[in-house]
Amino acid sequence: MQLFYAPELDPDTGSYVFSEEESKHCVRVLRLGAGDSLHLTDGRGTMCRAEIVEASPKHCRVVIRERWPEFEKRGYELVMAVAPTKNTDRFEWFAEKATEIGVDRIVPLLTDHCERRTLKTDRLEKVVTSAVKQSLKAYHPVVEPLTPLREWVARPFDGVKLIAHCEKDMPRRFIGQLISPGSRVTVLIGPEGDFSPEEIGLARQYGFADISLGRSRLRTETAAVAAVAAVAFVNESYPKN
């Protein structure tokens, strides 16, 4: 199954023309031609099966044959606000794996102890898009710009709000104990130097609960993926009606 990301797709029009880059990939790299089938998604839940009617490497045109709205929609919502790592490859690895497992929004979080204070979100967007296509997702996670923690925690969020940190003298509960199936969840993950006590206190003021991800001390990207997997496990292992 070849999946293409088509954010401008309007399924009601019945056809779509790929960008020159995607057309070239489709025709010259994948060697698809007129009459061949492929799949495309708008990243907002619609999955379509389409047929190539014009196999041009500059403007490959397809017609929609079938479409499935809310394709494999998850029954929960997850926002991951994570401090960027010093090595951007590690943060991109987190974004890729989170997309594969299931996440709705990725927020690079600027914190007191951040080793990286700039981030190219356009590159991160490409990593996420590639993961969407590879894992056959119909929902493309939103990638937010680098946002200060103090600004992010103050934003309204109608759901479960969690902050993972390593302060052993502060009572924490395991993440799985605070999540129920079908919840809206947002999780804060700090940098290698962890959140500062002031940041933890501020998050608490805005209703964030302190959590642990287990006994091991994890790298930022590992902790973030562990949190995504824990939320998915609670939801996917719960018997569906």
C-alpha atoms as a PDB file:
ATOM      1  CA  MET A   1       0.000   0.000   0.000  1.00  0.00           C
ATOM      2  CA  GLN A   2       1.537   3.303  -1.120  1.00  0.00           C
ATOM      3  CA  LEU A   3       0.276   6.230   0.965  1.00  0.00           C
ATOM      4  CA  PHE A   4       0.714   9.871  -0.054  1.00  0.00           C
ATOM      5  CA  TYR A   5       0.110  12.902   2.162  1.00  0.00           C
ATOM      6  CA  ALA A   6      -2.138  15.440   0.446  1.00  0.00           C
ATOM      7  CA  PRO A   7      -3.012  18.229   2.922  1.00  0.00           C
ATOM      8  CA  GLU A   8      -4.845  20.249   0.244  1.00  0.00           C
ATOM      9  CA  LEU A   9      -7.022  17.282  -0.708  1.00  0.00           C
ATOM     10  CA  ASP A  10     -10.757  17.929  -1.030  1.00  0.00           C
ATOM     11  CA  PRO A  11     -12.311  14.450  -1.418  1.00  0.00           C
ATOM     12  CA  ASP A  12     -15.540  15.981  -2.760  1.00  0.00           C
ATOM     13  CA  THR A  13     -13.793  17.206  -5.916  1.00  0.00           C
ATOM     14  CA  GLY A  14     -13.129  13.645  -7.032  1.00  0.00           C
ATOM     15  CA  SER A  15      -9.556  14.254  -8.210  1.00  0.00           C
ATOM     16  CA  TYR A  16      -6.182  15.496  -7.043  1.00  0.00           C
ATOM     17  CA  VAL A  17      -2.934  16.655  -8.659  1.00  0.00           C
ATOM     18  CA  PHE A  18       0.283  15.903  -6.787  1.00  0.00           C
ATOM     19  CA  SER A  19       3.029  18.467  -6.338  1.00  0.00           C
ATOM     20  CA  GLU A  20       5.994  18.149  -8.683  1.00  0.00           C
ATOM     21  CA  GLU A  21       8.067  16.543  -5.924  1.00  0.00           C
ATOM     22  CA  GLU A  22       5.398  13.939  -5.128  1.00  0.00           C
ATOM     23  CA  SER A  23       4.651  13.407  -8.834  1.00  0.00           C
ATOM     24  CA  LYS A  24       8.303  12.647  -9.514  1.00  0.00           C
ATOM     25  CA  HIS A  25       8.423  10.248  -6.554  1.00  0.00           C
ATOM     26  CA  CYS A  26       5.263   8.515  -7.717  1.00  0.00           C
ATOM     27  CA  VAL A  27       6.163   8.152 -11.401  1.00  0.00           C
ATOM     28  CA  ARG A  28       9.953   7.912 -11.500  1.00  0.00           C
ATOM     29  CA  VAL A  29      10.841   6.386  -8.130  1.00  0.00           C
ATOM     30  CA  LEU A  30       7.884   4.090  -7.520  1.00  0.00           C
ATOM     31  CA  ARG A  31       7.343   3.619 -11.272  1.00  0.00           C
ATOM     32  CA  LEU A  32       3.572   3.878 -11.007  1.00  0.00           C
ATOM     33  CA  GLY A  33       1.615   4.557 -14.176  1.00  0.00           C
ATOM     34  CA  ALA A  34      -1.874   5.213 -15.497  1.00  0.00           C
ATOM     35  CA  GLY A  35      -4.351   2.712 -14.098  1.00  0.00           C
ATOM     36  CA  ASP A  36      -2.318   1.967 -10.977  1.00  0.00           C
ATOM     37  CA  SER A  37      -3.909   2.436  -7.563  1.00  0.00           C
ATOM     38  CA  LEU A  38      -2.522   4.251  -4.552  1.00  0.00           C
ATOM     39  CA  HIS A  39      -3.812   5.748  -1.313  1.00  0.00           C
ATOM     40  CA  LEU A  40      -3.736   9.313  -0.082  1.00  0.00           C
ATOM     41  CA  THR A  41      -4.806  11.130   3.059  1.00  0.00           C
ATOM     42  CA  ASP A  42      -5.521  14.740   3.926  1.00  0.00           C
ATOM     43  CA  GLY A  43      -4.028  14.180   7.386  1.00  0.00           C
ATOM     44  CA  ARG A  44      -7.349  15.111   8.979  1.00  0.00           C
ATOM     45  CA  GLY A  45      -8.815  11.613   9.038  1.00  0.00           C
ATOM     46  CA  THR A  46      -9.858  10.967   5.439  1.00  0.00           C
ATOM     47  CA  MET A  47      -8.228   8.023   3.670  1.00  0.00           C
ATOM     48  CA  CYS A  48      -8.793   7.616  -0.071  1.00  0.00           C
ATOM     49  CA  ARG A  49      -8.056   4.981  -2.664  1.00  0.00           C
ATOM     50  CA  ALA A  50      -7.242   6.656  -5.958  1.00  0.00           C
ATOM     51  CA  GLU A  51      -6.339   5.678  -9.515  1.00  0.00           C
ATOM     52  CA  ILE A  52      -3.690   7.405 -11.599  1.00  0.00           C
ATOM     53  CA  VAL A  53      -5.158   8.896 -14.773  1.00  0.00           C
ATOM     54  CA  GLU A  54      -2.216  11.066 -15.821  1.00  0.00           C
ATOM     55  CA  ALA A  55       1.236   9.741 -14.934  1.00  0.00           C
ATOM     56  CA  SER A  56       3.304  12.877 -15.443  1.00  0.00           C
ATOM     57  CA  PRO A  57       6.467  13.372 -13.330  1.00  0.00           C
ATOM     58  CA  LYS A  58       5.532  17.065 -13.015  1.00  0.00           C
ATOM     59  CA  HIS A  59       1.793  16.873 -12.303  1.00  0.00           C
ATOM     60  CA  CYS A  60       0.567  13.355 -11.646  1.00  0.00           C
ATOM     61  CA  ARG A  61      -3.240  13.392 -11.513  1.00  0.00           C
ATOM     62  CA  VAL A  62      -5.434  10.847  -9.756  1.00  0.00           C
ATOM     63  CA  VAL A  63      -9.168  10.311  -9.383  1.00  0.00           C
ATOM     64  CA  ILE A  64     -10.734   9.226  -6.109  1.00  0.00           C
ATOM     65  CA  ARG A  65     -12.350   5.789  -6.289  1.00  0.00           C
ATOM     66  CA  GLU A  66     -13.110   5.178  -2.595  1.00  0.00           C
ATOM     67  CA  ARG A  67     -12.858   7.183   0.592  1.00  0.00           C
ATOM     68  CA  TRP A  68     -13.082   6.416   4.295  1.00  0.00           C
ATOM     69  CA  PRO A  69     -13.682   9.341   6.686  1.00  0.00           C
ATOM     70  CA  GLU A  70     -12.251   9.098  10.228  1.00  0.00           C
ATOM     71  CA  PHE A  71     -10.081   6.192   9.116  1.00  0.00           C
ATOM     72  CA  GLU A  72      -8.893   4.224  12.181  1.00  0.00           C
ATOM     73  CA  LYS A  73      -9.631   7.173  14.444  1.00  0.00           C
ATOM     74  CA  ARG A  74      -8.246   6.708  17.934  1.00  0.00           C
ATOM     75  CA  GLY A  75     -10.577   6.955  20.886  1.00  0.00           C
ATOM     76  CA  TYR A  76      -8.323   9.283  22.848  1.00  0.00           C
ATOM     77  CA  GLU A  77      -6.345  12.508  22.388  1.00  0.00           C
ATOM     78  CA  LEU A  78      -2.700  12.957  23.316  1.00  0.00           C
ATOM     79  CA  VAL A  79      -0.578  16.111  23.405  1.00  0.00           C
ATOM     80  CA  MET A  80       3.155  15.699  24.063  1.00  0.00           C
ATOM     81  CA  ALA A  81       5.054  18.812  25.182  1.00  0.00           C
ATOM     82  CA  VAL A  82       8.722  17.842  25.199  1.00  0.00           C
ATOM     83  CA  ALA A  83      11.944  19.791  25.716  1.00  0.00           C
ATOM     84  CA  PRO A  84      14.136  19.539  22.585  1.00  0.00           C
ATOM     85  CA  THR A  85      17.307  17.496  22.960  1.00  0.00           C
ATOM     86  CA  LYS A  86      20.813  18.832  22.340  1.00  0.00           C
ATOM     87  CA  ASN A  87      21.112  16.366  19.456  1.00  0.00           C
ATOM     88  CA  THR A  88      18.158  17.114  17.167  1.00  0.00           C
ATOM     89  CA  ASP A  89      18.271  13.581  15.752  1.00  0.00           C
ATOM     90  CA  ARG A  90      17.057  12.280  19.110  1.00  0.00           C
ATOM     91  CA  PHE A  91      14.097  14.651  19.187  1.00  0.00           C
ATOM     92  CA  GLU A  92      13.220  13.714  15.608  1.00  0.00           C
ATOM     93  CA  TRP A  93      13.397  10.050  16.628  1.00  0.00           C
ATOM     94  CA  PHE A  94      10.852  10.759  19.371  1.00  0.00           C
ATOM     95  CA  ALA A  95       8.561  12.564  16.904  1.00  0.00           C
ATOM     96  CA  GLU A  96       8.779   9.684  14.447  1.00  0.00           C
ATOM     97  CA  LYS A  97       7.992   6.998  17.023  1.00  0.00           C
ATOM     98  CA  ALA A  98       5.248   9.049  18.677  1.00  0.00           C
ATOM     99  CA  THR A  99       3.574   9.455  15.289  1.00  0.00           C
ATOM    100  CA  GLU A 100       3.783   5.729  14.627  1.00  0.00           C
ATOM    101  CA  ILE A 101       2.265   4.872  18.022  1.00  0.00           C
ATOM    102  CA  GLY A 102      -0.314   7.657  18.100  1.00  0.00           C
ATOM    103  CA  VAL A 103      -0.123  11.340  19.044  1.00  0.00           C
ATOM    104  CA  ASP A 104      -2.216  14.380  18.113  1.00  0.00           C
ATOM    105  CA  ARG A 105       0.080  17.291  18.869  1.00  0.00           C
ATOM    106  CA  ILE A 106       3.833  17.673  19.414  1.00  0.00           C
ATOM    107  CA  VAL A 107       5.005  20.770  21.271  1.00  0.00           C
ATOM    108  CA  PRO A 108       8.754  21.497  21.531  1.00  0.00           C
ATOM    109  CA  LEU A 109       9.016  22.984  25.006  1.00  0.00           C
ATOM    110  CA  LEU A 110      11.479  25.701  25.993  1.00  0.00           C
ATOM    111  CA  THR A 111      12.497  25.150  29.638  1.00  0.00           C
ATOM    112  CA  ASP A 112      15.011  26.557  32.135  1.00  0.00           C
ATOM    113  CA  HIS A 113      17.511  23.724  31.640  1.00  0.00           C
ATOM    114  CA  CYS A 114      17.151  23.259  27.874  1.00  0.00           C
ATOM    115  CA  GLU A 115      20.449  22.561  26.090  1.00  0.00           C
ATOM    116  CA  ARG A 116      18.865  23.557  22.774  1.00  0.00           C
ATOM    117  CA  ARG A 117      16.986  26.824  22.529  1.00  0.00           C
ATOM    118  CA  THR A 118      16.242  26.836  18.780  1.00  0.00           C
ATOM    119  CA  LEU A 119      14.572  24.210  16.630  1.00  0.00           C
ATOM    120  CA  LYS A 120      13.751  23.907  12.926  1.00  0.00           C
ATOM    121  CA  THR A 121      10.133  22.819  13.031  1.00  0.00           C
ATOM    122  CA  ASP A 122       9.943  22.607   9.227  1.00  0.00           C
ATOM    123  CA  ARG A 123      12.395  19.697   9.330  1.00  0.00           C
ATOM    124  CA  LEU A 124      10.439  18.153  12.214  1.00  0.00           C
ATOM    125  CA  GLU A 125       7.278  18.466  10.117  1.00  0.00           C
ATOM    126  CA  LYS A 126       8.929  16.427   7.349  1.00  0.00           C
ATOM    127  CA  VAL A 127       9.918  13.710   9.811  1.00  0.00           C
ATOM    128  CA  VAL A 128       6.342  13.497  11.079  1.00  0.00           C
ATOM    129  CA  THR A 129       4.923  13.421   7.532  1.00  0.00           C
ATOM    130  CA  SER A 130       7.266  10.577   6.608  1.00  0.00           C
ATOM    131  CA  ALA A 131       6.155   8.642   9.709  1.00  0.00           C
ATOM    132  CA  VAL A 132       2.485   9.231   8.839  1.00  0.00           C
ATOM    133  CA  LYS A 133       3.023   7.725   5.394  1.00  0.00           C
ATOM    134  CA  GLN A 134       5.153   4.838   6.648  1.00  0.00           C
ATOM    135  CA  SER A 135       2.702   3.840   9.387  1.00  0.00           C
ATOM    136  CA  LEU A 136      -0.380   4.344   7.178  1.00  0.00           C
ATOM    137  CA  LYS A 137      -2.016   6.996   9.351  1.00  0.00           C
ATOM    138  CA  ALA A 138      -4.914   9.173   8.232  1.00  0.00           C
ATOM    139  CA  TYR A 139      -4.236  11.737  10.962  1.00  0.00           C
ATOM    140  CA  HIS A 140      -1.183  13.993  10.775  1.00  0.00           C
ATOM    141  CA  PRO A 141      -0.022  15.273  14.188  1.00  0.00           C
ATOM    142  CA  VAL A 142       0.166  19.039  14.580  1.00  0.00           C
ATOM    143  CA  VAL A 143       3.719  20.305  15.154  1.00  0.00           C
ATOM    144  CA  GLU A 144       3.778  23.460  17.277  1.00  0.00           C
ATOM    145  CA  PRO A 145       6.598  26.037  17.262  1.00  0.00           C
ATOM    146  CA  LEU A 146       9.070  26.080  20.152  1.00  0.00           C
ATOM    147  CA  THR A 147       7.006  27.332  23.093  1.00  0.00           C
ATOM    148  CA  PRO A 148       8.117  28.513  26.569  1.00  0.00           C
ATOM    149  CA  LEU A 149       6.880  26.212  29.322  1.00  0.00           C
ATOM    150  CA  ARG A 150       5.461  29.103  31.300  1.00  0.00           C
ATOM    151  CA  GLU A 151       3.313  30.020  28.318  1.00  0.00           C
ATOM    152  CA  TRP A 152       2.242  26.464  27.515  1.00  0.00           C
ATOM    153  CA  VAL A 153       1.085  25.411  31.002  1.00  0.00           C
ATOM    154  CA  ALA A 154      -1.145  28.486  31.204  1.00  0.00           C
ATOM    155  CA  ARG A 155      -3.116  27.504  28.100  1.00  0.00           C
ATOM    156  CA  PRO A 156      -6.550  25.971  28.758  1.00  0.00           C
ATOM    157  CA  PHE A 157      -6.753  22.193  28.345  1.00  0.00           C
ATOM    158  CA  ASP A 158      -9.887  20.205  29.131  1.00  0.00           C
ATOM    159  CA  GLY A 159      -8.350  16.896  30.110  1.00  0.00           C
ATOM    160  CA  VAL A 160      -5.741  15.097  32.198  1.00  0.00           C
ATOM    161  CA  LYS A 161      -2.586  17.195  32.651  1.00  0.00           C
ATOM    162  CA  LEU A 162       0.623  15.431  33.671  1.00  0.00           C
ATOM    163  CA  ILE A 163       4.247  16.413  34.285  1.00  0.00           C
ATOM    164  CA  ALA A 164       7.000  13.796  34.416  1.00  0.00           C
ATOM    165  CA  HIS A 165      10.062  14.631  36.502  1.00  0.00           C
ATOM    166  CA  CYS A 166      12.769  12.987  38.603  1.00  0.00           C
ATOM    167  CA  GLU A 167      12.396  14.836  41.920  1.00  0.00           C
ATOM    168  CA  LYS A 168      12.221  11.894  44.344  1.00  0.00           C
ATOM    169  CA  ASP A 169      11.261  14.066  47.314  1.00  0.00           C
ATOM    170  CA  MET A 170       8.087  15.078  45.472  1.00  0.00           C
ATOM    171  CA  PRO A 171       5.296  12.476  45.543  1.00  0.00           C
ATOM    172  CA  ARG A 172       4.654  11.019  42.073  1.00  0.00           C
ATOM    173  CA  ARG A 173       2.311   8.390  40.726  1.00  0.00           C
ATOM    174  CA  PHE A 174       2.905   6.047  37.821  1.00  0.00           C
ATOM    175  CA  ILE A 175       1.401   7.457  34.619  1.00  0.00           C
ATOM    176  CA  GLY A 176      -0.907   4.478  34.098  1.00  0.00           C
ATOM    177  CA  GLN A 177      -2.668   5.181  37.394  1.00  0.00           C
ATOM    178  CA  LEU A 178      -3.886   8.593  36.268  1.00  0.00           C
ATOM    179  CA  ILE A 179      -5.189   7.796  32.795  1.00  0.00           C
ATOM    180  CA  SER A 180      -8.510   6.264  31.871  1.00  0.00           C
ATOM    181  CA  PRO A 181      -9.495   5.011  28.398  1.00  0.00           C
ATOM    182  CA  GLY A 182     -10.858   7.682  26.111  1.00  0.00           C
ATOM    183  CA  SER A 183      -9.239  10.565  27.989  1.00  0.00           C
ATOM    184  CA  ARG A 184      -7.733  13.745  26.605  1.00  0.00           C
ATOM    185  CA  VAL A 185      -4.180  13.786  27.938  1.00  0.00           C
ATOM    186  CA  THR A 186      -1.259  16.204  27.828  1.00  0.00           C
ATOM    187  CA  VAL A 187       2.172  15.206  29.135  1.00  0.00           C
ATOM    188  CA  LEU A 188       5.169  17.431  29.878  1.00  0.00           C
ATOM    189  CA  ILE A 189       8.640  15.901  29.455  1.00  0.00           C
ATOM    190  CA  GLY A 190      11.691  17.891  30.546  1.00  0.00           C
ATOM    191  CA  PRO A 191      15.274  18.182  29.285  1.00  0.00           C
ATOM    192  CA  GLU A 192      18.261  16.072  30.369  1.00  0.00           C
ATOM    193  CA  GLY A 193      18.681  18.385  33.381  1.00  0.00           C
ATOM    194  CA  ASP A 194      14.990  17.909  34.266  1.00  0.00           C
ATOM    195  CA  PHE A 195      12.498  20.652  35.020  1.00  0.00           C
ATOM    196  CA  SER A 196      13.503  23.245  37.592  1.00  0.00           C
ATOM    197  CA  PRO A 197      11.645  23.185  40.937  1.00  0.00           C
ATOM    198  CA  GLU A 198      10.044  26.495  39.940  1.00  0.00           C
ATOM    199  CA  GLU A 199       8.703  24.984  36.710  1.00  0.00           C
ATOM    200  CA  ILE A 200       7.309  21.970  38.535  1.00  0.00           C
ATOM    201  CA  GLY A 201       5.631  24.273  41.055  1.00  0.00           C
ATOM    202  CA  LEU A 202       4.148  26.390  38.278  1.00  0.00           C
ATOM    203  CA  ALA A 203       2.802  23.340  36.449  1.00  0.00           C
ATOM    204  CA  ARG A 204       1.175  22.192  39.680  1.00  0.00           C
ATOM    205  CA  GLN A 205      -0.510  25.589  40.052  1.00  0.00           C
ATOM    206  CA  TYR A 206      -2.114  25.031  36.646  1.00  0.00           C
ATOM    207  CA  GLY A 207      -3.391  21.578  37.577  1.00  0.00           C
ATOM    208  CA  PHE A 208      -0.638  19.284  36.334  1.00  0.00           C
ATOM    209  CA  ALA A 209      -0.178  16.082  38.335  1.00  0.00           C
ATOM    210  CA  ASP A 210       3.300  14.702  39.092  1.00  0.00           C
ATOM    211  CA  ILE A 211       4.049  11.378  37.406  1.00  0.00           C
ATOM    212  CA  SER A 212       6.780   8.775  37.165  1.00  0.00           C
ATOM    213  CA  LEU A 213       7.540   6.645  34.108  1.00  0.00           C
ATOM    214  CA  GLY A 214       9.143   3.853  36.122  1.00  0.00           C
ATOM    215  CA  ARG A 215      12.253   3.234  38.215  1.00  0.00           C
ATOM    216  CA  SER A 216      14.815   3.795  35.456  1.00  0.00           C
ATOM    217  CA  ARG A 217      16.253   7.224  34.756  1.00  0.00           C
ATOM    218  CA  LEU A 218      15.399   7.846  31.097  1.00  0.00           C
ATOM    219  CA  ARG A 219      16.718  10.152  28.430  1.00  0.00           C
ATOM    220  CA  THR A 220      14.298  12.842  27.301  1.00  0.00           C
ATOM    221  CA  GLU A 221      13.366  11.136  24.034  1.00  0.00           C
ATOM    222  CA  THR A 222      13.041   7.729  25.721  1.00  0.00           C
ATOM    223  CA  ALA A 223      10.809   9.147  28.438  1.00  0.00           C
ATOM    224  CA  ALA A 224       8.628  10.843  25.825  1.00  0.00           C
ATOM    225  CA  VAL A 225       8.169   7.650  23.800  1.00  0.00           C
ATOM    226  CA  ALA A 226       7.508   5.678  27.006  1.00  0.00           C
ATOM    227  CA  ALA A 227       4.738   8.132  27.895  1.00  0.00           C
ATOM    228  CA  VAL A 228       3.170   7.850  24.428  1.00  0.00           C
ATOM    229  CA  ALA A 229       3.296   4.049  24.655  1.00  0.00           C
ATOM    230  CA  ALA A 230       1.803   4.041  28.159  1.00  0.00           C
ATOM    231  CA  VAL A 231      -1.178   6.155  27.068  1.00  0.00           C
ATOM    232  CA  ALA A 232      -1.677   3.941  24.009  1.00  0.00           C
ATOM    233  CA  PHE A 233      -1.475   0.777  26.129  1.00  0.00           C
ATOM    234  CA  VAL A 234      -4.155   1.993  28.553  1.00  0.00           C
ATOM    235  CA  ASN A 235      -6.449   2.732  25.621  1.00  0.00           C
ATOM    236  CA  GLU A 236      -5.698  -0.187  23.306  1.00  0.00           C
ATOM    237  CA  SER A 237      -5.771  -2.878  25.999  1.00  0.00           C
ATOM    238  CA  TYR A 238      -9.151  -1.731  27.315  1.00  0.00           C
ATOM    239  CA  PRO A 239     -12.045  -3.894  26.040  1.00  0.00           C
ATOM    240  CA  LYS A 240     -14.051  -2.052  23.386  1.00  0.00           C
ATOM    241  CA  ASN A 241     -17.831  -2.110  23.520  1.00  0.00           C
END
